[in-house]
Structures are given as C-alpha cells and as structure tokens.
Protein backbone atom coordinates (compact mmCIF):
# COMPACT_ATOMS: atom_id res chain seq x y z
CA UNK A 1 19.16 -8.28 -48.49
CA UNK A 2 20.53 -11.30 -46.66
CA UNK A 3 21.50 -9.08 -43.71
CA UNK A 4 18.02 -7.64 -43.54
CA UNK A 5 16.41 -11.08 -43.24
CA UNK A 6 18.81 -12.04 -40.48
CA UNK A 7 18.11 -8.86 -38.44
CA UNK A 8 14.34 -9.31 -38.91
CA UNK A 9 14.65 -12.90 -37.75
CA UNK A 10 16.78 -11.78 -34.78
CA UNK A 11 14.23 -9.08 -33.88
CA UNK A 12 11.39 -11.61 -34.06
CA UNK A 13 13.33 -14.05 -31.90
CA UNK A 14 14.06 -11.31 -29.37
CA UNK A 15 10.38 -10.30 -29.30
CA UNK A 16 9.31 -13.90 -28.66
CA UNK A 17 11.99 -14.25 -25.96
CA UNK A 18 10.90 -10.98 -24.37
CA UNK A 19 7.26 -12.12 -24.35
CA UNK A 20 8.25 -15.46 -22.80
CA UNK A 21 10.22 -13.71 -20.06
CA UNK A 22 7.27 -11.40 -19.34
CA UNK A 23 4.95 -14.39 -18.98
CA UNK A 24 7.40 -16.17 -16.68
CA UNK A 25 7.89 -13.06 -14.56
CA UNK A 26 4.13 -12.63 -14.18
CA UNK A 27 3.57 -16.29 -13.23
CA UNK A 28 4.05 -15.80 -9.46
CA UNK A 29 1.50 -12.94 -9.46
CA UNK A 30 -0.91 -14.97 -11.58
CA UNK A 31 -0.56 -17.87 -9.18
CA UNK A 32 -1.33 -15.59 -6.25
CA UNK A 33 -4.33 -14.11 -8.08
CA UNK A 34 -5.56 -17.65 -8.67
CA UNK A 35 -5.57 -18.15 -4.90
CA UNK A 36 -8.30 -15.55 -4.81
CA UNK A 37 -8.89 -11.94 -4.04
CA UNK A 38 -10.04 -11.60 -0.45
CA UNK A 39 -11.55 -8.50 1.11
CA UNK A 40 -10.04 -7.77 4.52
CA UNK A 41 -12.10 -5.90 7.09
CA UNK A 42 -10.57 -4.87 10.39
CA UNK A 43 -12.38 -4.71 13.70
CA UNK A 44 -14.90 -1.87 13.70
CA UNK A 45 -14.49 -1.26 9.96
CA UNK A 46 -16.91 -1.90 7.13
CA UNK A 47 -17.06 -2.29 3.38
CA UNK A 48 -18.91 0.42 1.48
CA UNK A 49 -20.15 0.58 -2.10
CA UNK A 50 -16.87 2.22 -3.15
CA UNK A 51 -14.26 1.08 -0.62
CA UNK A 52 -12.79 -2.02 0.97
CA UNK A 53 -10.54 -1.47 4.00
CA UNK A 54 -8.08 -3.99 2.61
CA UNK A 55 -7.49 -6.49 -0.17
CA UNK A 56 -5.41 -9.64 0.12
CA UNK A 57 -4.19 -11.73 -2.81
CA UNK A 58 -2.06 -14.62 -1.64
CA UNK A 59 0.54 -13.17 0.70
CA UNK A 60 0.16 -9.62 -0.65
CA UNK A 61 -1.93 -7.09 1.28
CA UNK A 62 -3.11 -3.60 0.38
CA UNK A 63 -4.69 -1.42 3.07
CA UNK A 64 -6.79 1.50 1.84
CA UNK A 65 -5.89 4.98 2.95
CA UNK A 66 -6.92 5.53 6.54
CA UNK A 67 -7.83 8.90 8.03
CA UNK A 68 -7.27 9.73 11.66
CA UNK A 69 -9.83 12.47 12.18
CA UNK A 70 -11.41 12.87 15.59
CA UNK A 71 -13.58 15.56 17.15
CA UNK A 72 -11.51 15.44 20.35
CA UNK A 73 -7.91 15.36 19.08
CA UNK A 74 -7.11 17.45 16.04
CA UNK A 75 -3.31 17.32 16.42
CA UNK A 76 -1.20 15.80 13.69
CA UNK A 77 0.27 13.29 16.17
CA UNK A 78 -3.21 12.19 17.25
CA UNK A 79 -4.48 11.88 13.68
CA UNK A 80 -1.36 9.98 12.59
CA UNK A 81 -1.74 7.57 15.51
CA UNK A 82 -5.42 6.92 14.72
CA UNK A 83 -4.71 6.44 10.99
CA UNK A 84 -2.02 3.86 11.76
CA UNK A 85 -4.19 2.14 14.37
CA UNK A 86 -6.88 1.73 11.68
CA UNK A 87 -4.27 0.41 9.26
CA UNK A 88 -3.07 -1.99 11.96
CA UNK A 89 -6.64 -3.36 12.22
CA UNK A 90 -6.56 -4.30 8.53
CA UNK A 91 -3.21 -6.04 8.94
CA UNK A 92 -4.43 -7.91 12.04
CA UNK A 93 -7.58 -9.04 10.20
CA UNK A 94 -5.25 -10.48 7.54
CA UNK A 95 -3.35 -12.41 10.23
CA UNK A 96 -0.27 -10.24 10.69
CA UNK A 97 0.89 -6.93 12.10
CA UNK A 98 1.83 -3.65 10.51
CA UNK A 99 5.38 -3.81 11.89
CA UNK A 100 5.93 -7.36 10.61
CA UNK A 101 4.40 -7.08 7.14
CA UNK A 102 4.32 -3.49 5.87
CA UNK A 103 6.68 -3.01 2.94
CA UNK A 104 5.55 0.40 1.62
CA UNK A 105 3.44 3.20 3.07
CA UNK A 106 2.33 6.46 1.54
CA UNK A 107 1.50 9.39 3.81
CA UNK A 108 -0.65 12.24 2.54
CA UNK A 109 -0.34 15.48 4.53
CA UNK A 110 -2.33 18.68 4.05
CA UNK A 111 0.44 20.84 5.53
CA UNK A 112 4.18 20.31 5.11
CA UNK A 113 4.68 21.92 8.53
CA UNK A 114 3.05 18.80 10.06
CA UNK A 115 5.84 16.51 8.81
CA UNK A 116 7.80 16.37 12.08
CA UNK A 117 4.70 15.74 14.20
CA UNK A 118 3.52 13.03 11.82
CA UNK A 119 6.98 11.46 11.73
CA UNK A 120 7.29 11.29 15.52
CA UNK A 121 3.96 9.46 15.81
CA UNK A 122 4.70 7.27 12.76
CA UNK A 123 8.02 5.97 14.10
CA UNK A 124 6.30 4.50 17.19
CA UNK A 125 4.58 1.96 14.92
CA UNK A 126 7.85 0.87 13.30
CA UNK A 127 10.44 0.65 16.10
CA UNK A 128 12.91 -1.10 13.78
CA UNK A 129 13.20 -1.95 10.10
CA UNK A 130 10.53 0.51 8.87
CA UNK A 131 8.86 0.06 5.48
CA UNK A 132 9.70 2.19 2.48
CA UNK A 133 7.69 5.41 2.62
CA UNK A 134 6.63 8.34 0.50
CA UNK A 135 5.19 11.51 2.00
CA UNK A 136 3.12 13.73 -0.24
CA UNK A 137 1.62 17.13 0.53
CA UNK A 138 -1.89 17.50 -0.90
CA UNK A 139 -4.35 20.40 -1.08
CA UNK A 140 -7.03 18.61 0.94
CA UNK A 141 -8.35 15.25 2.09
CA UNK A 142 -11.92 13.98 1.66
CA UNK A 143 -12.88 14.71 5.28
CA UNK A 144 -12.92 18.30 6.54
CA UNK A 145 -10.31 18.74 9.25
CA UNK A 146 -8.33 15.76 8.02
CA UNK A 147 -4.61 16.42 8.24
CA UNK A 148 -3.21 13.01 7.31
CA UNK A 149 -4.17 9.88 5.40
CA UNK A 150 -1.97 6.79 5.33
CA UNK A 151 -2.09 3.76 3.03
CA UNK A 152 0.19 0.73 3.32
CA UNK A 153 1.00 -2.40 1.37
CA UNK A 154 2.63 -5.49 2.75
CA UNK A 155 3.75 -9.05 2.37
CA UNK A 156 2.37 -11.44 4.96
CA UNK A 157 5.17 -13.54 6.46
C-alpha cells in the first residue's frame, strides 16, 4: 500500500511538472499572439470573406496558398513563377523577402510529371539556403487549369 501511494504521488508530481513545462514552452507563442494577429495583403491582392493572403503574428508569417494560373502561359514553369511571385508580394508586405524569411513551403501539383518543371522554376526564388519543402500531388485545385499552388511560412528576420 505504501508503494502505491508513492507511485501515485510521483505520477501526480510528473503530471504537474509536465503541465508546467507545456506552459513554459507555449509562452513565446503566447507572447507573440499578444502582439497581435495582423492580416498581410500584398500589392494587387485583396482580402475576401474566406481568405487572407497572409497572417503575421509577431515575427511569424503564413502566406496562403497562391495559384499561378494565367490565360497566356499555362506551362508549369510559368504557373510556378507566378505563384511564387504572389507569395513574394505577401512577404514584401510583411517587410521581408521570400528568400530571407521562408522556412517551410508546401507545393501542391496536379500532375507528378510536372515536378521537374516546377522545381526548375522554384529554385530561382531560393538561390541558396532554400526552405524546407513538401510536394504533394492532388487530384485538382480550386481553379480550372491550375497546375500548382504554393503556400509558405516564415520567420521575419
């Protein structure tokens, strides 16, 4: 019985310690959230009822997925370039650049065969020290003819 009380007390102490560590770990994010959530709108972009081009909280920045569709250039390289140019506008509106601040990007492709073309256009935006990246093949994007959508997160230096 004595052992049982000790292990219950140890478990309770560990739970309290775990909770305290969780609170301490979340403190930097809470402090940033206290600085305020700011909508970021790049040049030529707009907020809609369901979408903000970007959100900044402290030094953290999230850019919504950007499509690169165009009636004149339907190539994967052209669409990738336009999607990243739109993403760059969000980063510039937040006071930085994509190359300097992007830490993680996710690329959504509608055709795996477009990977090489997307990658060749993508690398031009990150000449050195590229962000982490995931590339996902999806059945479709929300805009007919859309081949690629790119979203990025970053930390503003």
